[in-house]
Amino acid sequence: MKNNDNQKPYDLEDRTFNFAKDSRRFVKALPRTIPNIEDVKQFVRASGSIGANYIEAKESGYWLRLLDTGEKLKVQRDNLVGEATELIKICGAIIRKSEE
């Protein structure tokens, strides 16, 4: 989904996935110095975590909705689904804000 032809799509799953792939291509071109080797390890993990955390928030909401909680735990489950949804929205807002 694009908001116009000149701007990037807002599909966070695709964008975070592409960011991780692009990051991996980038580090392959870096000089292999001892500091770079150590820093690249952390960067590669972090670049993949962005998408994984977003996807896991979405997945958590999905599994929560599937749980048969009965009436006793329905409110707690619904609160957790709501929080997962809010976390997804926050992630999206942060990414959109960083583009301004």
PDB file of N, CA and C in Angstrom:
ATOM      1  N   MET A   1       0.843  -1.172   0.000  1.00  0.00           N
ATOM      2  CA  MET A   1       0.000   0.000   0.000  1.00  0.00           C
ATOM      3  C   MET A   1       0.887   1.233   0.000  1.00  0.00           C
ATOM      4  N   LYS A   2       0.692   2.131  -0.973  1.00  0.00           N
ATOM      5  CA  LYS A   2       1.447   3.373  -1.041  1.00  0.00           C
ATOM      6  C   LYS A   2       0.494   4.529  -0.801  1.00  0.00           C
ATOM      7  N   ASN A   3       1.027   5.592  -0.173  1.00  0.00           N
ATOM      8  CA  ASN A   3       0.170   6.753   0.023  1.00  0.00           C
ATOM      9  C   ASN A   3       0.264   7.712  -1.161  1.00  0.00           C
ATOM     10  N   ASN A   4       1.281   7.620  -2.002  1.00  0.00           N
ATOM     11  CA  ASN A   4       1.320   8.199  -3.336  1.00  0.00           C
ATOM     12  C   ASN A   4       2.511   7.602  -4.071  1.00  0.00           C
ATOM     13  N   ASP A   5       2.660   7.928  -5.347  1.00  0.00           N
ATOM     14  CA  ASP A   5       3.679   7.258  -6.167  1.00  0.00           C
ATOM     15  C   ASP A   5       5.109   7.583  -5.758  1.00  0.00           C
ATOM     16  N   ASN A   6       5.345   8.678  -5.062  1.00  0.00           N
ATOM     17  CA  ASN A   6       6.703   9.083  -4.718  1.00  0.00           C
ATOM     18  C   ASN A   6       7.148   8.616  -3.335  1.00  0.00           C
ATOM     19  N   GLN A   7       6.285   7.996  -2.578  1.00  0.00           N
ATOM     20  CA  GLN A   7       6.646   7.599  -1.227  1.00  0.00           C
ATOM     21  C   GLN A   7       6.709   6.090  -1.095  1.00  0.00           C
ATOM     22  N   LYS A   8       7.413   5.649  -0.055  1.00  0.00           N
ATOM     23  CA  LYS A   8       7.588   4.225   0.187  1.00  0.00           C
ATOM     24  C   LYS A   8       6.289   3.594   0.673  1.00  0.00           C
ATOM     25  N   PRO A   9       6.128   2.292   0.443  1.00  0.00           N
ATOM     26  CA  PRO A   9       4.941   1.604   0.953  1.00  0.00           C
ATOM     27  C   PRO A   9       4.990   1.516   2.470  1.00  0.00           C
ATOM     28  N   TYR A  10       3.838   1.414   3.097  1.00  0.00           N
ATOM     29  CA  TYR A  10       3.755   1.321   4.548  1.00  0.00           C
ATOM     30  C   TYR A  10       3.550  -0.112   5.033  1.00  0.00           C
ATOM     31  N   ASP A  11       3.702  -1.109   4.172  1.00  0.00           N
ATOM     32  CA  ASP A  11       3.563  -2.489   4.596  1.00  0.00           C
ATOM     33  C   ASP A  11       4.778  -2.825   5.454  1.00  0.00           C
ATOM     34  N   LEU A  12       4.581  -2.835   6.763  1.00  0.00           N
ATOM     35  CA  LEU A  12       5.704  -2.994   7.679  1.00  0.00           C
ATOM     36  C   LEU A  12       6.372  -4.354   7.564  1.00  0.00           C
ATOM     37  N   GLU A  13       5.608  -5.388   7.295  1.00  0.00           N
ATOM     38  CA  GLU A  13       6.233  -6.707   7.148  1.00  0.00           C
ATOM     39  C   GLU A  13       7.191  -6.716   5.972  1.00  0.00           C
ATOM     40  N   ASP A  14       6.761  -6.197   4.838  1.00  0.00           N
ATOM     41  CA  ASP A  14       7.629  -6.155   3.664  1.00  0.00           C
ATOM     42  C   ASP A  14       8.823  -5.236   3.904  1.00  0.00           C
ATOM     43  N   ARG A  15       8.571  -4.069   4.470  1.00  0.00           N
ATOM     44  CA  ARG A  15       9.652  -3.109   4.670  1.00  0.00           C
ATOM     45  C   ARG A  15      10.678  -3.610   5.673  1.00  0.00           C
ATOM     46  N   THR A  16      10.225  -4.214   6.761  1.00  0.00           N
ATOM     47  CA  THR A  16      11.192  -4.704   7.740  1.00  0.00           C
ATOM     48  C   THR A  16      11.975  -5.890   7.176  1.00  0.00           C
ATOM     49  N   PHE A  17      11.323  -6.731   6.386  1.00  0.00           N
ATOM     50  CA  PHE A  17      12.002  -7.849   5.740  1.00  0.00           C
ATOM     51  C   PHE A  17      13.060  -7.339   4.760  1.00  0.00           C
ATOM     52  N   ASN A  18      12.677  -6.376   3.940  1.00  0.00           N
ATOM     53  CA  ASN A  18      13.619  -5.810   2.977  1.00  0.00           C
ATOM     54  C   ASN A  18      14.771  -5.093   3.669  1.00  0.00           C
ATOM     55  N   PHE A  19      14.488  -4.432   4.778  1.00  0.00           N
ATOM     56  CA  PHE A  19      15.545  -3.784   5.544  1.00  0.00           C
ATOM     57  C   PHE A  19      16.570  -4.813   6.015  1.00  0.00           C
ATOM     58  N   ALA A  20      16.102  -5.921   6.529  1.00  0.00           N
ATOM     59  CA  ALA A  20      17.009  -6.975   7.001  1.00  0.00           C
ATOM     60  C   ALA A  20      17.834  -7.533   5.838  1.00  0.00           C
ATOM     61  N   LYS A  21      17.188  -7.768   4.696  1.00  0.00           N
ATOM     62  CA  LYS A  21      17.917  -8.282   3.525  1.00  0.00           C
ATOM     63  C   LYS A  21      18.942  -7.263   3.025  1.00  0.00           C
ATOM     64  N   ASP A  22      18.535  -6.000   2.918  1.00  0.00           N
ATOM     65  CA  ASP A  22      19.444  -4.950   2.459  1.00  0.00           C
ATOM     66  C   ASP A  22      20.613  -4.778   3.433  1.00  0.00           C
ATOM     67  N   SER A  23      20.330  -4.907   4.715  1.00  0.00           N
ATOM     68  CA  SER A  23      21.382  -4.788   5.728  1.00  0.00           C
ATOM     69  C   SER A  23      22.418  -5.883   5.561  1.00  0.00           C
ATOM     70  N   ARG A  24      21.962  -7.079   5.270  1.00  0.00           N
ATOM     71  CA  ARG A  24      22.883  -8.196   5.076  1.00  0.00           C
ATOM     72  C   ARG A  24      23.740  -8.002   3.820  1.00  0.00           C
ATOM     73  N   ARG A  25      23.137  -7.486   2.761  1.00  0.00           N
ATOM     74  CA  ARG A  25      23.913  -7.187   1.546  1.00  0.00           C
ATOM     75  C   ARG A  25      24.961  -6.111   1.837  1.00  0.00           C
ATOM     76  N   PHE A  26      24.572  -5.097   2.595  1.00  0.00           N
ATOM     77  CA  PHE A  26      25.472  -3.999   2.940  1.00  0.00           C
ATOM     78  C   PHE A  26      26.692  -4.503   3.711  1.00  0.00           C
ATOM     79  N   VAL A  27      26.475  -5.317   4.732  1.00  0.00           N
ATOM     80  CA  VAL A  27      27.609  -5.740   5.559  1.00  0.00           C
ATOM     81  C   VAL A  27      28.563  -6.657   4.801  1.00  0.00           C
ATOM     82  N   LYS A  28      28.080  -7.331   3.777  1.00  0.00           N
ATOM     83  CA  LYS A  28      28.977  -8.169   2.971  1.00  0.00           C
ATOM     84  C   LYS A  28      30.029  -7.325   2.256  1.00  0.00           C
ATOM     85  N   ALA A  29      29.708  -6.055   2.002  1.00  0.00           N
ATOM     86  CA  ALA A  29      30.628  -5.174   1.285  1.00  0.00           C
ATOM     87  C   ALA A  29      31.595  -4.427   2.210  1.00  0.00           C
ATOM     88  N   LEU A  30      31.395  -4.505   3.507  1.00  0.00           N
ATOM     89  CA  LEU A  30      32.252  -3.783   4.453  1.00  0.00           C
ATOM     90  C   LEU A  30      33.637  -4.419   4.559  1.00  0.00           C
ATOM     91  N   PRO A  31      34.634  -3.591   4.883  1.00  0.00           N
ATOM     92  CA  PRO A  31      35.962  -4.157   5.139  1.00  0.00           C
ATOM     93  C   PRO A  31      35.903  -5.071   6.366  1.00  0.00           C
ATOM     94  N   ARG A  32      36.659  -6.136   6.327  1.00  0.00           N
ATOM     95  CA  ARG A  32      36.647  -7.108   7.420  1.00  0.00           C
ATOM     96  C   ARG A  32      37.695  -6.743   8.468  1.00  0.00           C
ATOM     97  N   THR A  33      37.430  -5.683   9.204  1.00  0.00           N
ATOM     98  CA  THR A  33      38.295  -5.301  10.320  1.00  0.00           C
ATOM     99  C   THR A  33      37.733  -5.921  11.591  1.00  0.00           C
ATOM    100  N   ILE A  34      38.554  -6.025  12.612  1.00  0.00           N
ATOM    101  CA  ILE A  34      38.077  -6.618  13.860  1.00  0.00           C
ATOM    102  C   ILE A  34      36.886  -5.833  14.424  1.00  0.00           C
ATOM    103  N   PRO A  35      36.947  -4.492  14.485  1.00  0.00           N
ATOM    104  CA  PRO A  35      35.768  -3.776  14.982  1.00  0.00           C
ATOM    105  C   PRO A  35      34.528  -4.003  14.117  1.00  0.00           C
ATOM    106  N   ASN A  36      34.706  -3.980  12.795  1.00  0.00           N
ATOM    107  CA  ASN A  36      33.555  -4.206  11.910  1.00  0.00           C
ATOM    108  C   ASN A  36      32.958  -5.590  12.119  1.00  0.00           C
ATOM    109  N   ILE A  37      33.780  -6.590  12.261  1.00  0.00           N
ATOM    110  CA  ILE A  37      33.279  -7.954  12.445  1.00  0.00           C
ATOM    111  C   ILE A  37      32.401  -8.029  13.685  1.00  0.00           C
ATOM    112  N   GLU A  38      32.846  -7.435  14.767  1.00  0.00           N
ATOM    113  CA  GLU A  38      32.071  -7.468  16.009  1.00  0.00           C
ATOM    114  C   GLU A  38      30.801  -6.621  15.896  1.00  0.00           C
ATOM    115  N   ASP A  39      30.915  -5.435  15.337  1.00  0.00           N
ATOM    116  CA  ASP A  39      29.746  -4.547  15.216  1.00  0.00           C
ATOM    117  C   ASP A  39      28.716  -5.103  14.240  1.00  0.00           C
ATOM    118  N   VAL A  40      29.184  -5.743  13.177  1.00  0.00           N
ATOM    119  CA  VAL A  40      28.279  -6.312  12.183  1.00  0.00           C
ATOM    120  C   VAL A  40      27.423  -7.417  12.799  1.00  0.00           C
ATOM    121  N   LYS A  41      27.996  -8.211  13.671  1.00  0.00           N
ATOM    122  CA  LYS A  41      27.213  -9.276  14.317  1.00  0.00           C
ATOM    123  C   LYS A  41      26.000  -8.688  15.027  1.00  0.00           C
ATOM    124  N   GLN A  42      26.233  -7.618  15.777  1.00  0.00           N
ATOM    125  CA  GLN A  42      25.129  -6.988  16.510  1.00  0.00           C
ATOM    126  C   GLN A  42      24.148  -6.333  15.545  1.00  0.00           C
ATOM    127  N   PHE A  43      24.661  -5.657  14.528  1.00  0.00           N
ATOM    128  CA  PHE A  43      23.798  -4.973  13.568  1.00  0.00           C
ATOM    129  C   PHE A  43      22.900  -5.953  12.821  1.00  0.00           C
ATOM    130  N   VAL A  44      23.457  -7.074  12.389  1.00  0.00           N
ATOM    131  CA  VAL A  44      22.665  -8.056  11.651  1.00  0.00           C
ATOM    132  C   VAL A  44      21.557  -8.606  12.536  1.00  0.00           C
ATOM    133  N   ARG A  45      21.866  -8.908  13.790  1.00  0.00           N
ATOM    134  CA  ARG A  45      20.818  -9.388  14.716  1.00  0.00           C
ATOM    135  C   ARG A  45      19.738  -8.326  14.900  1.00  0.00           C
ATOM    136  N   ALA A  46      20.160  -7.082  15.103  1.00  0.00           N
ATOM    137  CA  ALA A  46      19.190  -6.004  15.334  1.00  0.00           C
ATOM    138  C   ALA A  46      18.338  -5.747  14.091  1.00  0.00           C
ATOM    139  N   SER A  47      18.951  -5.796  12.909  1.00  0.00           N
ATOM    140  CA  SER A  47      18.189  -5.507  11.692  1.00  0.00           C
ATOM    141  C   SER A  47      17.097  -6.553  11.460  1.00  0.00           C
ATOM    142  N   GLY A  48      17.340  -7.781  11.864  1.00  0.00           N
ATOM    143  CA  GLY A  48      16.314  -8.820  11.743  1.00  0.00           C
ATOM    144  C   GLY A  48      15.281  -8.752  12.843  1.00  0.00           C
ATOM    145  N   SER A  49      15.677  -8.233  13.991  1.00  0.00           N
ATOM    146  CA  SER A  49      14.754  -8.159  15.130  1.00  0.00           C
ATOM    147  C   SER A  49      13.610  -7.187  14.903  1.00  0.00           C
ATOM    148  N   ILE A  50      13.858  -6.152  14.124  1.00  0.00           N
ATOM    149  CA  ILE A  50      12.808  -5.162  13.867  1.00  0.00           C
ATOM    150  C   ILE A  50      11.578  -5.854  13.301  1.00  0.00           C
ATOM    151  N   GLY A  51      11.755  -6.590  12.235  1.00  0.00           N
ATOM    152  CA  GLY A  51      10.636  -7.282  11.602  1.00  0.00           C
ATOM    153  C   GLY A  51      10.097  -8.402  12.461  1.00  0.00           C
ATOM    154  N   ALA A  52      10.988  -9.129  13.106  1.00  0.00           N
ATOM    155  CA  ALA A  52      10.548 -10.251  13.931  1.00  0.00           C
ATOM    156  C   ALA A  52       9.663  -9.766  15.072  1.00  0.00           C
ATOM    157  N   ASN A  53      10.036  -8.673  15.705  1.00  0.00           N
ATOM    158  CA  ASN A  53       9.232  -8.160  16.818  1.00  0.00           C
ATOM    159  C   ASN A  53       7.870  -7.670  16.343  1.00  0.00           C
ATOM    160  N   TYR A  54       7.837  -6.998  15.205  1.00  0.00           N
ATOM    161  CA  TYR A  54       6.563  -6.544  14.645  1.00  0.00           C
ATOM    162  C   TYR A  54       5.681  -7.741  14.316  1.00  0.00           C
ATOM    163  N   ILE A  55       6.261  -8.724  13.658  1.00  0.00           N
ATOM    164  CA  ILE A  55       5.499  -9.912  13.266  1.00  0.00           C
ATOM    165  C   ILE A  55       5.045 -10.689  14.498  1.00  0.00           C
ATOM    166  N   GLU A  56       5.904 -10.773  15.498  1.00  0.00           N
ATOM    167  CA  GLU A  56       5.522 -11.494  16.715  1.00  0.00           C
ATOM    168  C   GLU A  56       4.384 -10.797  17.445  1.00  0.00           C
ATOM    169  N   ALA A  57       4.344  -9.475  17.399  1.00  0.00           N
ATOM    170  CA  ALA A  57       3.221  -8.762  18.013  1.00  0.00           C
ATOM    171  C   ALA A  57       1.924  -9.108  17.283  1.00  0.00           C
ATOM    172  N   LYS A  58       1.977  -9.138  15.954  1.00  0.00           N
ATOM    173  CA  LYS A  58       0.794  -9.517  15.175  1.00  0.00           C
ATOM    174  C   LYS A  58       0.402 -10.964  15.461  1.00  0.00           C
ATOM    175  N   GLU A  59       1.407 -11.840  15.509  1.00  0.00           N
ATOM    176  CA  GLU A  59       1.149 -13.260  15.744  1.00  0.00           C
ATOM    177  C   GLU A  59       0.558 -13.489  17.135  1.00  0.00           C
ATOM    178  N   SER A  60       1.025 -12.748  18.105  1.00  0.00           N
ATOM    179  CA  SER A  60       0.492 -12.886  19.467  1.00  0.00           C
ATOM    180  C   SER A  60      -0.999 -12.589  19.504  1.00  0.00           C
ATOM    181  N   GLY A  61      -1.396 -11.513  18.819  1.00  0.00           N
ATOM    182  CA  GLY A  61      -2.813 -11.179  18.760  1.00  0.00           C
ATOM    183  C   GLY A  61      -3.627 -12.270  18.093  1.00  0.00           C
ATOM    184  N   TYR A  62      -3.082 -12.850  17.051  1.00  0.00           N
ATOM    185  CA  TYR A  62      -3.759 -13.939  16.342  1.00  0.00           C
ATOM    186  C   TYR A  62      -4.000 -15.125  17.271  1.00  0.00           C
ATOM    187  N   TRP A  63      -2.947 -15.574  17.955  1.00  0.00           N
ATOM    188  CA  TRP A  63      -3.076 -16.733  18.835  1.00  0.00           C
ATOM    189  C   TRP A  63      -3.958 -16.437  20.032  1.00  0.00           C
ATOM    190  N   LEU A  64      -3.880 -15.233  20.547  1.00  0.00           N
ATOM    191  CA  LEU A  64      -4.755 -14.867  21.666  1.00  0.00           C
ATOM    192  C   LEU A  64      -6.223 -14.983  21.267  1.00  0.00           C
ATOM    193  N   ARG A  65      -6.557 -14.538  20.056  1.00  0.00           N
ATOM    194  CA  ARG A  65      -7.947 -14.605  19.605  1.00  0.00           C
ATOM    195  C   ARG A  65      -8.415 -16.043  19.437  1.00  0.00           C
ATOM    196  N   LEU A  66      -7.502 -16.955  19.138  1.00  0.00           N
ATOM    197  CA  LEU A  66      -7.875 -18.357  18.969  1.00  0.00           C
ATOM    198  C   LEU A  66      -8.120 -19.082  20.294  1.00  0.00           C
ATOM    199  N   LEU A  67      -7.578 -18.576  21.365  1.00  0.00           N
ATOM    200  CA  LEU A  67      -7.691 -19.260  22.655  1.00  0.00           C
ATOM    201  C   LEU A  67      -9.125 -19.272  23.156  1.00  0.00           C
ATOM    202  N   ASP A  68      -9.551 -20.424  23.618  1.00  0.00           N
ATOM    203  CA  ASP A  68     -10.870 -20.566  24.240  1.00  0.00           C
ATOM    204  C   ASP A  68     -10.695 -20.265  25.733  1.00  0.00           C
ATOM    205  N   THR A  69     -11.010 -19.048  26.102  1.00  0.00           N
ATOM    206  CA  THR A  69     -10.747 -18.606  27.472  1.00  0.00           C
ATOM    207  C   THR A  69     -11.932 -18.786  28.402  1.00  0.00           C
ATOM    208  N   GLY A  70     -13.109 -18.976  27.824  1.00  0.00           N
ATOM    209  CA  GLY A  70     -14.301 -18.963  28.663  1.00  0.00           C
ATOM    210  C   GLY A  70     -14.554 -17.540  29.130  1.00  0.00           C
ATOM    211  N   GLU A  71     -15.619 -17.350  29.849  1.00  0.00           N
ATOM    212  CA  GLU A  71     -15.977 -16.006  30.309  1.00  0.00           C
ATOM    213  C   GLU A  71     -15.005 -15.474  31.353  1.00  0.00           C
ATOM    214  N   LYS A  72     -14.431 -16.366  32.142  1.00  0.00           N
ATOM    215  CA  LYS A  72     -13.581 -15.945  33.257  1.00  0.00           C
ATOM    216  C   LYS A  72     -12.351 -15.149  32.799  1.00  0.00           C
ATOM    217  N   LEU A  73     -11.758 -15.543  31.679  1.00  0.00           N
ATOM    218  CA  LEU A  73     -10.521 -14.904  31.229  1.00  0.00           C
ATOM    219  C   LEU A  73     -10.696 -14.065  29.959  1.00  0.00           C
ATOM    220  N   LYS A  74     -11.937 -13.928  29.498  1.00  0.00           N
ATOM    221  CA  LYS A  74     -12.204 -13.209  28.254  1.00  0.00           C
ATOM    222  C   LYS A  74     -11.723 -11.763  28.319  1.00  0.00           C
ATOM    223  N   VAL A  75     -11.980 -11.087  29.411  1.00  0.00           N
ATOM    224  CA  VAL A  75     -11.587  -9.683  29.528  1.00  0.00           C
ATOM    225  C   VAL A  75     -10.059  -9.544  29.487  1.00  0.00           C
ATOM    226  N   GLN A  76      -9.369 -10.427  30.200  1.00  0.00           N
ATOM    227  CA  GLN A  76      -7.905 -10.381  30.193  1.00  0.00           C
ATOM    228  C   GLN A  76      -7.359 -10.640  28.788  1.00  0.00           C
ATOM    229  N   ARG A  77      -7.937 -11.637  28.104  1.00  0.00           N
ATOM    230  CA  ARG A  77      -7.500 -11.934  26.748  1.00  0.00           C
ATOM    231  C   ARG A  77      -7.738 -10.734  25.837  1.00  0.00           C
ATOM    232  N   ASP A  78      -8.924 -10.160  25.905  1.00  0.00           N
ATOM    233  CA  ASP A  78      -9.247  -9.017  25.057  1.00  0.00           C
ATOM    234  C   ASP A  78      -8.318  -7.841  25.331  1.00  0.00           C
ATOM    235  N   ASN A  79      -7.935  -7.651  26.587  1.00  0.00           N
ATOM    236  CA  ASN A  79      -6.988  -6.587  26.933  1.00  0.00           C
ATOM    237  C   ASN A  79      -5.624  -6.849  26.295  1.00  0.00           C
ATOM    238  N   LEU A  80      -5.197  -8.103  26.310  1.00  0.00           N
ATOM    239  CA  LEU A  80      -3.920  -8.449  25.696  1.00  0.00           C
ATOM    240  C   LEU A  80      -3.968  -8.293  24.180  1.00  0.00           C
ATOM    241  N   VAL A  81      -5.060  -8.666  23.556  1.00  0.00           N
ATOM    242  CA  VAL A  81      -5.222  -8.460  22.112  1.00  0.00           C
ATOM    243  C   VAL A  81      -5.147  -6.964  21.804  1.00  0.00           C
ATOM    244  N   GLY A  82      -5.807  -6.175  22.612  1.00  0.00           N
ATOM    245  CA  GLY A  82      -5.773  -4.721  22.432  1.00  0.00           C
ATOM    246  C   GLY A  82      -4.371  -4.158  22.566  1.00  0.00           C
ATOM    247  N   GLU A  83      -3.630  -4.659  23.532  1.00  0.00           N
ATOM    248  CA  GLU A  83      -2.256  -4.185  23.731  1.00  0.00           C
ATOM    249  C   GLU A  83      -1.367  -4.596  22.555  1.00  0.00           C
ATOM    250  N   ALA A  84      -1.514  -5.811  22.058  1.00  0.00           N
ATOM    251  CA  ALA A  84      -0.743  -6.244  20.886  1.00  0.00           C
ATOM    252  C   ALA A  84      -1.049  -5.335  19.691  1.00  0.00           C
ATOM    253  N   THR A  85      -2.310  -4.996  19.515  1.00  0.00           N
ATOM    254  CA  THR A  85      -2.714  -4.106  18.426  1.00  0.00           C
ATOM    255  C   THR A  85      -2.094  -2.725  18.601  1.00  0.00           C
ATOM    256  N   GLU A  86      -2.095  -2.217  19.826  1.00  0.00           N
ATOM    257  CA  GLU A  86      -1.496  -0.913  20.095  1.00  0.00           C
ATOM    258  C   GLU A  86       0.006  -0.930  19.822  1.00  0.00           C
ATOM    259  N   LEU A  87       0.679  -2.006  20.201  1.00  0.00           N
ATOM    260  CA  LEU A  87       2.119  -2.104  19.952  1.00  0.00           C
ATOM    261  C   LEU A  87       2.422  -2.093  18.459  1.00  0.00           C
ATOM    262  N   ILE A  88       1.582  -2.747  17.673  1.00  0.00           N
ATOM    263  CA  ILE A  88       1.746  -2.726  16.219  1.00  0.00           C
ATOM    264  C   ILE A  88       1.574  -1.300  15.695  1.00  0.00           C
ATOM    265  N   LYS A  89       0.558  -0.600  16.190  1.00  0.00           N
ATOM    266  CA  LYS A  89       0.317   0.779  15.762  1.00  0.00           C
ATOM    267  C   LYS A  89       1.475   1.689  16.148  1.00  0.00           C
ATOM    268  N   ILE A  90       2.009   1.498  17.332  1.00  0.00           N
ATOM    269  CA  ILE A  90       3.142   2.310  17.790  1.00  0.00           C
ATOM    270  C   ILE A  90       4.339   2.086  16.877  1.00  0.00           C
ATOM    271  N   CYS A  91       4.604   0.851  16.558  1.00  0.00           N
ATOM    272  CA  CYS A  91       5.713   0.526  15.656  1.00  0.00           C
ATOM    273  C   CYS A  91       5.514   1.215  14.314  1.00  0.00           C
ATOM    274  N   GLY A  92       4.314   1.163  13.791  1.00  0.00           N
ATOM    275  CA  GLY A  92       4.017   1.808  12.521  1.00  0.00           C
ATOM    276  C   GLY A  92       4.183   3.309  12.597  1.00  0.00           C
ATOM    277  N   ALA A  93       3.733   3.909  13.686  1.00  0.00           N
ATOM    278  CA  ALA A  93       3.854   5.361  13.852  1.00  0.00           C
ATOM    279  C   ALA A  93       5.308   5.776  13.960  1.00  0.00           C
ATOM    280  N   ILE A  94       6.113   5.002  14.641  1.00  0.00           N
ATOM    281  CA  ILE A  94       7.533   5.311  14.768  1.00  0.00           C
ATOM    282  C   ILE A  94       8.196   5.281  13.403  1.00  0.00           C
ATOM    283  N   ILE A  95       7.898   4.279  12.631  1.00  0.00           N
ATOM    284  CA  ILE A  95       8.502   4.178  11.305  1.00  0.00           C
ATOM    285  C   ILE A  95       8.050   5.337  10.416  1.00  0.00           C
ATOM    286  N   ARG A  96       6.758   5.648  10.429  1.00  0.00           N
ATOM    287  CA  ARG A  96       6.263   6.753   9.614  1.00  0.00           C
ATOM    288  C   ARG A  96       6.884   8.082  10.061  1.00  0.00           C
ATOM    289  N   LYS A  97       6.990   8.294  11.362  1.00  0.00           N
ATOM    290  CA  LYS A  97       7.545   9.538  11.894  1.00  0.00           C
ATOM    291  C   LYS A  97       9.014   9.678  11.518  1.00  0.00           C
ATOM    292  N   SER A  98       9.734   8.563  11.497  1.00  0.00           N
ATOM    293  CA  SER A  98      11.163   8.624  11.170  1.00  0.00           C
ATOM    294  C   SER A  98      11.393   8.993   9.718  1.00  0.00           C
ATOM    295  N   GLU A  99      10.382   8.877   8.876  1.00  0.00           N
ATOM    296  CA  GLU A  99      10.515   9.222   7.459  1.00  0.00           C
ATOM    297  C   GLU A  99      10.314  10.712   7.197  1.00  0.00           C
ATOM    298  N   GLU A 100       9.803  11.433   8.172  1.00  0.00           N
ATOM    299  CA  GLU A 100       9.527  12.865   7.970  1.00  0.00           C
ATOM    300  C   GLU A 100      10.785  13.689   8.003  1.00  0.00           C
TER     301      GLU A 100
END
